């Protein structure tokens, strides 16, 4: 697949995010820019942006409890709590 599926503005946004490490998908196509965004991926992108672009550090004094994470993956739990602490 090619990047022709996306307009220039969307590709520029992808490149910006990729260069900052906000997304680790090596191509815009693999990033599925027009696909659905799931909680884990959004929490990860928010966390990476806050840490890398805004230079924020998590406030580990905060208790971030979520009653709907029990059945989620460790990665989802980690990034959801990290995003909360940022």
PDB file of N, CA and C in Angstrom:
ATOM      1  N   UNK A   1       0.841  -1.189   0.000  1.00  0.00           N
ATOM      2  CA  UNK A   1       0.000   0.000   0.000  1.00  0.00           C
ATOM      3  C   UNK A   1       0.881   1.245   0.000  1.00  0.00           C
ATOM      4  N   UNK A   2       0.350   2.283  -0.486  1.00  0.00           N
ATOM      5  CA  UNK A   2       1.130   3.515  -0.547  1.00  0.00           C
ATOM      6  C   UNK A   2       0.509   4.580   0.335  1.00  0.00           C
ATOM      7  N   UNK A   3       1.261   5.637   0.507  1.00  0.00           N
ATOM      8  CA  UNK A   3       0.783   6.771   1.282  1.00  0.00           C
ATOM      9  C   UNK A   3      -0.203   7.624   0.498  1.00  0.00           C
ATOM     10  N   UNK A   4      -0.520   7.232  -0.744  1.00  0.00           N
ATOM     11  CA  UNK A   4      -1.457   8.000  -1.556  1.00  0.00           C
ATOM     12  C   UNK A   4      -2.869   7.987  -0.970  1.00  0.00           C
ATOM     13  N   UNK A   5      -3.092   7.120   0.016  1.00  0.00           N
ATOM     14  CA  UNK A   5      -4.395   7.051   0.671  1.00  0.00           C
ATOM     15  C   UNK A   5      -4.646   8.267   1.557  1.00  0.00           C
ATOM     16  N   UNK A   6      -3.597   9.003   1.873  1.00  0.00           N
ATOM     17  CA  UNK A   6      -3.691  10.092   2.836  1.00  0.00           C
ATOM     18  C   UNK A   6      -3.295  11.420   2.207  1.00  0.00           C
ATOM     19  N   UNK A   7      -3.926  12.486   2.664  1.00  0.00           N
ATOM     20  CA  UNK A   7      -3.562  13.800   2.146  1.00  0.00           C
ATOM     21  C   UNK A   7      -2.283  14.295   2.828  1.00  0.00           C
ATOM     22  N   UNK A   8      -1.729  15.354   2.304  1.00  0.00           N
ATOM     23  CA  UNK A   8      -0.438  15.864   2.771  1.00  0.00           C
ATOM     24  C   UNK A   8      -0.472  16.255   4.248  1.00  0.00           C
ATOM     25  N   UNK A   9      -1.561  16.867   4.680  1.00  0.00           N
ATOM     26  CA  UNK A   9      -1.662  17.296   6.078  1.00  0.00           C
ATOM     27  C   UNK A   9      -1.601  16.101   7.029  1.00  0.00           C
ATOM     28  N   UNK A  10      -2.296  15.038   6.690  1.00  0.00           N
ATOM     29  CA  UNK A  10      -2.295  13.841   7.519  1.00  0.00           C
ATOM     30  C   UNK A  10      -0.922  13.179   7.516  1.00  0.00           C
ATOM     31  N   UNK A  11      -0.275  13.144   6.369  1.00  0.00           N
ATOM     32  CA  UNK A  11       1.074  12.574   6.293  1.00  0.00           C
ATOM     33  C   UNK A  11       2.071  13.402   7.090  1.00  0.00           C
ATOM     34  N   UNK A  12       1.942  14.721   7.043  1.00  0.00           N
ATOM     35  CA  UNK A  12       2.827  15.584   7.833  1.00  0.00           C
ATOM     36  C   UNK A  12       2.627  15.337   9.323  1.00  0.00           C
ATOM     37  N   UNK A  13       1.387  15.170   9.740  1.00  0.00           N
ATOM     38  CA  UNK A  13       1.096  14.887  11.151  1.00  0.00           C
ATOM     39  C   UNK A  13       1.696  13.543  11.559  1.00  0.00           C
ATOM     40  N   UNK A  14       1.566  12.544  10.685  1.00  0.00           N
ATOM     41  CA  UNK A  14       2.162  11.236  10.960  1.00  0.00           C
ATOM     42  C   UNK A  14       3.678  11.358  11.097  1.00  0.00           C
ATOM     43  N   UNK A  15       4.331  12.056  10.169  1.00  0.00           N
ATOM     44  CA  UNK A  15       5.790  12.210  10.203  1.00  0.00           C
ATOM     45  C   UNK A  15       6.237  12.915  11.479  1.00  0.00           C
ATOM     46  N   UNK A  16       5.502  13.948  11.884  1.00  0.00           N
ATOM     47  CA  UNK A  16       5.812  14.672  13.122  1.00  0.00           C
ATOM     48  C   UNK A  16       5.736  13.711  14.310  1.00  0.00           C
ATOM     49  N   UNK A  17       4.656  12.949  14.383  1.00  0.00           N
ATOM     50  CA  UNK A  17       4.473  12.007  15.486  1.00  0.00           C
ATOM     51  C   UNK A  17       5.541  10.915  15.454  1.00  0.00           C
ATOM     52  N   UNK A  18       5.864  10.424  14.282  1.00  0.00           N
ATOM     53  CA  UNK A  18       6.875   9.370  14.166  1.00  0.00           C
ATOM     54  C   UNK A  18       8.246   9.887  14.593  1.00  0.00           C
ATOM     55  N   UNK A  19       8.600  11.077  14.159  1.00  0.00           N
ATOM     56  CA  UNK A  19       9.907  11.646  14.511  1.00  0.00           C
ATOM     57  C   UNK A  19      10.043  11.926  15.999  1.00  0.00           C
ATOM     58  N   UNK A  20       8.937  12.189  16.673  1.00  0.00           N
ATOM     59  CA  UNK A  20       8.964  12.391  18.124  1.00  0.00           C
ATOM     60  C   UNK A  20       8.885  11.079  18.894  1.00  0.00           C
ATOM     61  N   UNK A  21       8.600   9.997  18.204  1.00  0.00           N
ATOM     62  CA  UNK A  21       8.450   8.715  18.874  1.00  0.00           C
ATOM     63  C   UNK A  21       7.066   8.509  19.465  1.00  0.00           C
ATOM     64  N   UNK A  22       6.115   9.353  19.069  1.00  0.00           N
ATOM     65  CA  UNK A  22       4.750   9.219  19.566  1.00  0.00           C
ATOM     66  C   UNK A  22       4.089   7.982  18.968  1.00  0.00           C
ATOM     67  N   UNK A  23       4.408   7.687  17.729  1.00  0.00           N
ATOM     68  CA  UNK A  23       3.975   6.438  17.110  1.00  0.00           C
ATOM     69  C   UNK A  23       5.223   5.665  16.707  1.00  0.00           C
ATOM     70  N   UNK A  24       5.137   4.364  16.794  1.00  0.00           N
ATOM     71  CA  UNK A  24       6.272   3.521  16.408  1.00  0.00           C
ATOM     72  C   UNK A  24       6.001   2.785  15.100  1.00  0.00           C
ATOM     73  N   UNK A  25       4.858   3.045  14.501  1.00  0.00           N
ATOM     74  CA  UNK A  25       4.532   2.409  13.226  1.00  0.00           C
ATOM     75  C   UNK A  25       5.444   2.986  12.140  1.00  0.00           C
ATOM     76  N   UNK A  26       6.156   2.129  11.394  1.00  0.00           N
ATOM     77  CA  UNK A  26       7.155   2.611  10.436  1.00  0.00           C
ATOM     78  C   UNK A  26       6.596   3.281   9.184  1.00  0.00           C
ATOM     79  N   UNK A  27       5.314   3.081   8.890  1.00  0.00           N
ATOM     80  CA  UNK A  27       4.719   3.742   7.724  1.00  0.00           C
ATOM     81  C   UNK A  27       3.350   4.302   8.111  1.00  0.00           C
ATOM     82  N   UNK A  28       2.908   5.286   7.350  1.00  0.00           N
ATOM     83  CA  UNK A  28       1.579   5.855   7.582  1.00  0.00           C
ATOM     84  C   UNK A  28       0.507   4.785   7.377  1.00  0.00           C
ATOM     85  N   UNK A  29       0.707   3.928   6.401  1.00  0.00           N
ATOM     86  CA  UNK A  29      -0.261   2.859   6.153  1.00  0.00           C
ATOM     87  C   UNK A  29      -0.372   1.940   7.366  1.00  0.00           C
ATOM     88  N   UNK A  30       0.773   1.535   7.920  1.00  0.00           N
ATOM     89  CA  UNK A  30       0.755   0.660   9.090  1.00  0.00           C
ATOM     90  C   UNK A  30       0.169   1.368  10.312  1.00  0.00           C
ATOM     91  N   UNK A  31       0.299   2.677  10.363  1.00  0.00           N
ATOM     92  CA  UNK A  31      -0.287   3.438  11.471  1.00  0.00           C
ATOM     93  C   UNK A  31      -1.806   3.481  11.371  1.00  0.00           C
ATOM     94  N   UNK A  32      -2.339   3.117  10.209  1.00  0.00           N
ATOM     95  CA  UNK A  32      -3.789   3.046  10.009  1.00  0.00           C
ATOM     96  C   UNK A  32      -4.445   4.369  10.412  1.00  0.00           C
ATOM     97  N   UNK A  33      -3.985   5.434   9.778  1.00  0.00           N
ATOM     98  CA  UNK A  33      -4.367   6.787  10.167  1.00  0.00           C
ATOM     99  C   UNK A  33      -5.863   7.065  10.126  1.00  0.00           C
ATOM    100  N   UNK A  34      -6.583   6.342   9.329  1.00  0.00           N
ATOM    101  CA  UNK A  34      -8.029   6.574   9.253  1.00  0.00           C
ATOM    102  C   UNK A  34      -8.823   5.482   9.962  1.00  0.00           C
ATOM    103  N   UNK A  35      -8.119   4.612  10.670  1.00  0.00           N
ATOM    104  CA  UNK A  35      -8.784   3.532  11.389  1.00  0.00           C
ATOM    105  C   UNK A  35      -9.282   3.983  12.750  1.00  0.00           C
ATOM    106  N   UNK A  36      -9.873   3.058  13.452  1.00  0.00           N
ATOM    107  CA  UNK A  36     -10.373   3.346  14.793  1.00  0.00           C
ATOM    108  C   UNK A  36      -9.204   3.414  15.766  1.00  0.00           C
ATOM    109  N   UNK A  37      -9.313   4.300  16.713  1.00  0.00           N
ATOM    110  CA  UNK A  37      -8.284   4.470  17.730  1.00  0.00           C
ATOM    111  C   UNK A  37      -8.761   3.797  19.006  1.00  0.00           C
ATOM    112  N   UNK A  38      -7.990   2.845  19.498  1.00  0.00           N
ATOM    113  CA  UNK A  38      -8.374   2.148  20.724  1.00  0.00           C
ATOM    114  C   UNK A  38      -7.711   2.810  21.922  1.00  0.00           C
ATOM    115  N   UNK A  39      -8.268   2.551  23.072  1.00  0.00           N
ATOM    116  CA  UNK A  39      -7.845   3.206  24.312  1.00  0.00           C
ATOM    117  C   UNK A  39      -6.342   3.096  24.551  1.00  0.00           C
ATOM    118  N   UNK A  40      -5.803   1.894  24.409  1.00  0.00           N
ATOM    119  CA  UNK A  40      -4.383   1.686  24.663  1.00  0.00           C
ATOM    120  C   UNK A  40      -3.527   2.562  23.766  1.00  0.00           C
ATOM    121  N   UNK A  41      -3.866   2.612  22.497  1.00  0.00           N
ATOM    122  CA  UNK A  41      -3.070   3.393  21.552  1.00  0.00           C
ATOM    123  C   UNK A  41      -3.167   4.885  21.840  1.00  0.00           C
ATOM    124  N   UNK A  42      -4.352   5.349  22.191  1.00  0.00           N
ATOM    125  CA  UNK A  42      -4.508   6.763  22.527  1.00  0.00           C
ATOM    126  C   UNK A  42      -3.740   7.103  23.799  1.00  0.00           C
ATOM    127  N   UNK A  43      -3.848   6.259  24.818  1.00  0.00           N
ATOM    128  CA  UNK A  43      -3.126   6.507  26.067  1.00  0.00           C
ATOM    129  C   UNK A  43      -1.618   6.524  25.825  1.00  0.00           C
ATOM    130  N   UNK A  44      -1.144   5.626  24.968  1.00  0.00           N
ATOM    131  CA  UNK A  44       0.282   5.581  24.656  1.00  0.00           C
ATOM    132  C   UNK A  44       0.715   6.845  23.921  1.00  0.00           C
ATOM    133  N   UNK A  45      -0.057   7.270  22.929  1.00  0.00           N
ATOM    134  CA  UNK A  45       0.308   8.475  22.172  1.00  0.00           C
ATOM    135  C   UNK A  45       0.279   9.720  23.055  1.00  0.00           C
ATOM    136  N   UNK A  46      -0.736   9.824  23.909  1.00  0.00           N
ATOM    137  CA  UNK A  46      -0.812  10.967  24.821  1.00  0.00           C
ATOM    138  C   UNK A  46       0.394  10.976  25.748  1.00  0.00           C
ATOM    139  N   UNK A  47       0.725   9.824  26.296  1.00  0.00           N
ATOM    140  CA  UNK A  47       1.860   9.720  27.214  1.00  0.00           C
ATOM    141  C   UNK A  47       3.172  10.073  26.525  1.00  0.00           C
ATOM    142  N   UNK A  48       3.390   9.498  25.352  1.00  0.00           N
ATOM    143  CA  UNK A  48       4.633   9.761  24.629  1.00  0.00           C
ATOM    144  C   UNK A  48       4.746  11.236  24.249  1.00  0.00           C
ATOM    145  N   UNK A  49       3.644  11.846  23.830  1.00  0.00           N
ATOM    146  CA  UNK A  49       3.669  13.269  23.480  1.00  0.00           C
ATOM    147  C   UNK A  49       3.965  14.115  24.716  1.00  0.00           C
ATOM    148  N   UNK A  50       3.302  13.813  25.812  1.00  0.00           N
ATOM    149  CA  UNK A  50       3.501  14.589  27.039  1.00  0.00           C
ATOM    150  C   UNK A  50       4.945  14.496  27.527  1.00  0.00           C
ATOM    151  N   UNK A  51       5.525  13.320  27.433  1.00  0.00           N
ATOM    152  CA  UNK A  51       6.898  13.116  27.909  1.00  0.00           C
ATOM    153  C   UNK A  51       7.918  13.680  26.923  1.00  0.00           C
ATOM    154  N   UNK A  52       7.772  13.359  25.651  1.00  0.00           N
ATOM    155  CA  UNK A  52       8.794  13.734  24.667  1.00  0.00           C
ATOM    156  C   UNK A  52       8.665  15.157  24.145  1.00  0.00           C
ATOM    157  N   UNK A  53       7.461  15.615  23.896  1.00  0.00           N
ATOM    158  CA  UNK A  53       7.282  16.953  23.321  1.00  0.00           C
ATOM    159  C   UNK A  53       7.126  18.020  24.396  1.00  0.00           C
ATOM    160  N   UNK A  54       6.366  17.699  25.432  1.00  0.00           N
ATOM    161  CA  UNK A  54       6.103  18.687  26.479  1.00  0.00           C
ATOM    162  C   UNK A  54       7.055  18.579  27.661  1.00  0.00           C
ATOM    163  N   UNK A  55       7.865  17.512  27.672  1.00  0.00           N
ATOM    164  CA  UNK A  55       8.862  17.276  28.727  1.00  0.00           C
ATOM    165  C   UNK A  55       8.229  17.129  30.110  1.00  0.00           C
ATOM    166  N   UNK A  56       7.029  16.577  30.156  1.00  0.00           N
ATOM    167  CA  UNK A  56       6.363  16.347  31.435  1.00  0.00           C
ATOM    168  C   UNK A  56       6.873  15.066  32.070  1.00  0.00           C
ATOM    169  N   UNK A  57       6.739  14.995  33.370  1.00  0.00           N
ATOM    170  CA  UNK A  57       7.093  13.789  34.111  1.00  0.00           C
ATOM    171  C   UNK A  57       5.848  13.335  34.868  1.00  0.00           C
ATOM    172  N   UNK A  58       5.644  12.024  34.961  1.00  0.00           N
ATOM    173  CA  UNK A  58       4.458  11.543  35.670  1.00  0.00           C
ATOM    174  C   UNK A  58       4.526  11.893  37.155  1.00  0.00           C
ATOM    175  N   UNK A  59       3.390  12.221  37.720  1.00  0.00           N
ATOM    176  CA  UNK A  59       3.281  12.486  39.153  1.00  0.00           C
ATOM    177  C   UNK A  59       2.878  11.180  39.819  1.00  0.00           C
ATOM    178  N   UNK A  60       3.868  10.457  40.321  1.00  0.00           N
ATOM    179  CA  UNK A  60       3.617   9.137  40.892  1.00  0.00           C
ATOM    180  C   UNK A  60       2.935   9.197  42.248  1.00  0.00           C
ATOM    181  N   UNK A  61       2.700  10.395  42.750  1.00  0.00           N
ATOM    182  CA  UNK A  61       1.925  10.530  43.990  1.00  0.00           C
ATOM    183  C   UNK A  61       0.442  10.332  43.713  1.00  0.00           C
ATOM    184  N   UNK A  62       0.057  10.502  42.456  1.00  0.00           N
ATOM    185  CA  UNK A  62      -1.352  10.342  42.083  1.00  0.00           C
ATOM    186  C   UNK A  62      -1.741   8.865  42.078  1.00  0.00           C
ATOM    187  N   UNK A  63      -2.927   8.614  42.555  1.00  0.00           N
ATOM    188  CA  UNK A  63      -3.485   7.268  42.480  1.00  0.00           C
ATOM    189  C   UNK A  63      -4.514   7.267  41.364  1.00  0.00           C
ATOM    190  N   UNK A  64      -4.230   6.543  40.335  1.00  0.00           N
ATOM    191  CA  UNK A  64      -5.135   6.484  39.188  1.00  0.00           C
ATOM    192  C   UNK A  64      -5.782   5.107  39.168  1.00  0.00           C
ATOM    193  N   UNK A  65      -7.010   5.063  39.590  1.00  0.00           N
ATOM    194  CA  UNK A  65      -7.739   3.802  39.653  1.00  0.00           C
ATOM    195  C   UNK A  65      -8.828   3.793  38.589  1.00  0.00           C
ATOM    196  N   UNK A  66      -8.902   2.692  37.878  1.00  0.00           N
ATOM    197  CA  UNK A  66      -9.907   2.528  36.833  1.00  0.00           C
ATOM    198  C   UNK A  66     -10.610   1.200  37.062  1.00  0.00           C
ATOM    199  N   UNK A  67     -11.917   1.229  37.152  1.00  0.00           N
ATOM    200  CA  UNK A  67     -12.653  -0.004  37.436  1.00  0.00           C
ATOM    201  C   UNK A  67     -12.913  -0.848  36.191  1.00  0.00           C
ATOM    202  N   UNK A  68     -12.427  -0.412  35.055  1.00  0.00           N
ATOM    203  CA  UNK A  68     -12.684  -1.162  33.823  1.00  0.00           C
ATOM    204  C   UNK A  68     -11.410  -1.710  33.173  1.00  0.00           C
ATOM    205  N   UNK A  69     -10.322  -1.759  33.916  1.00  0.00           N
ATOM    206  CA  UNK A  69      -9.057  -2.239  33.340  1.00  0.00           C
ATOM    207  C   UNK A  69      -8.726  -3.687  33.697  1.00  0.00           C
ATOM    208  N   UNK A  70      -9.531  -4.294  34.527  1.00  0.00           N
ATOM    209  CA  UNK A  70      -9.212  -5.626  35.034  1.00  0.00           C
ATOM    210  C   UNK A  70      -8.879  -6.634  33.936  1.00  0.00           C
ATOM    211  N   UNK A  71      -9.639  -6.634  32.876  1.00  0.00           N
ATOM    212  CA  UNK A  71      -9.446  -7.621  31.807  1.00  0.00           C
ATOM    213  C   UNK A  71      -8.563  -7.125  30.670  1.00  0.00           C
ATOM    214  N   UNK A  72      -7.939  -5.978  30.850  1.00  0.00           N
ATOM    215  CA  UNK A  72      -7.093  -5.402  29.797  1.00  0.00           C
ATOM    216  C   UNK A  72      -5.667  -5.947  29.888  1.00  0.00           C
ATOM    217  N   UNK A  73      -4.893  -5.735  28.832  1.00  0.00           N
ATOM    218  CA  UNK A  73      -3.500  -6.180  28.802  1.00  0.00           C
ATOM    219  C   UNK A  73      -2.652  -5.327  29.743  1.00  0.00           C
ATOM    220  N   UNK A  74      -1.487  -5.827  30.087  1.00  0.00           N
ATOM    221  CA  UNK A  74      -0.564  -5.058  30.930  1.00  0.00           C
ATOM    222  C   UNK A  74      -0.178  -3.748  30.262  1.00  0.00           C
ATOM    223  N   UNK A  75      -0.014  -3.782  28.944  1.00  0.00           N
ATOM    224  CA  UNK A  75       0.343  -2.564  28.215  1.00  0.00           C
ATOM    225  C   UNK A  75      -0.772  -1.517  28.317  1.00  0.00           C
ATOM    226  N   UNK A  76      -2.014  -1.951  28.177  1.00  0.00           N
ATOM    227  CA  UNK A  76      -3.144  -1.026  28.304  1.00  0.00           C
ATOM    228  C   UNK A  76      -3.193  -0.441  29.702  1.00  0.00           C
ATOM    229  N   UNK A  77      -3.025  -1.273  30.717  1.00  0.00           N
ATOM    230  CA  UNK A  77      -3.035  -0.799  32.109  1.00  0.00           C
ATOM    231  C   UNK A  77      -1.914   0.212  32.333  1.00  0.00           C
ATOM    232  N   UNK A  78      -0.724  -0.113  31.843  1.00  0.00           N
ATOM    233  CA  UNK A  78       0.433   0.762  32.042  1.00  0.00           C
ATOM    234  C   UNK A  78       0.211   2.140  31.418  1.00  0.00           C
ATOM    235  N   UNK A  79      -0.147   2.178  30.148  1.00  0.00           N
ATOM    236  CA  UNK A  79      -0.275   3.467  29.462  1.00  0.00           C
ATOM    237  C   UNK A  79      -1.492   4.264  29.932  1.00  0.00           C
ATOM    238  N   UNK A  80      -2.556   3.591  30.319  1.00  0.00           N
ATOM    239  CA  UNK A  80      -3.720   4.302  30.849  1.00  0.00           C
ATOM    240  C   UNK A  80      -3.356   4.998  32.152  1.00  0.00           C
ATOM    241  N   UNK A  81      -2.656   4.303  33.026  1.00  0.00           N
ATOM    242  CA  UNK A  81      -2.248   4.905  34.304  1.00  0.00           C
ATOM    243  C   UNK A  81      -1.178   5.972  34.098  1.00  0.00           C
ATOM    244  N   UNK A  82      -0.265   5.740  33.165  1.00  0.00           N
ATOM    245  CA  UNK A  82       0.765   6.739  32.883  1.00  0.00           C
ATOM    246  C   UNK A  82       0.133   8.022  32.358  1.00  0.00           C
ATOM    247  N   UNK A  83      -0.795   7.909  31.432  1.00  0.00           N
ATOM    248  CA  UNK A  83      -1.477   9.095  30.896  1.00  0.00           C
ATOM    249  C   UNK A  83      -2.188   9.852  32.008  1.00  0.00           C
ATOM    250  N   UNK A  84      -2.787   9.140  32.923  1.00  0.00           N
ATOM    251  CA  UNK A  84      -3.471   9.768  34.053  1.00  0.00           C
ATOM    252  C   UNK A  84      -2.486  10.550  34.923  1.00  0.00           C
ATOM    253  N   UNK A  85      -1.310  10.007  35.130  1.00  0.00           N
ATOM    254  CA  UNK A  85      -0.319  10.639  36.013  1.00  0.00           C
ATOM    255  C   UNK A  85       0.404  11.813  35.364  1.00  0.00           C
ATOM    256  N   UNK A  86       0.237  11.954  34.069  1.00  0.00           N
ATOM    257  CA  UNK A  86       0.854  13.080  33.378  1.00  0.00           C
ATOM    258  C   UNK A  86      -0.078  14.266  33.392  1.00  0.00           C
TER     259      UNK A  86
END
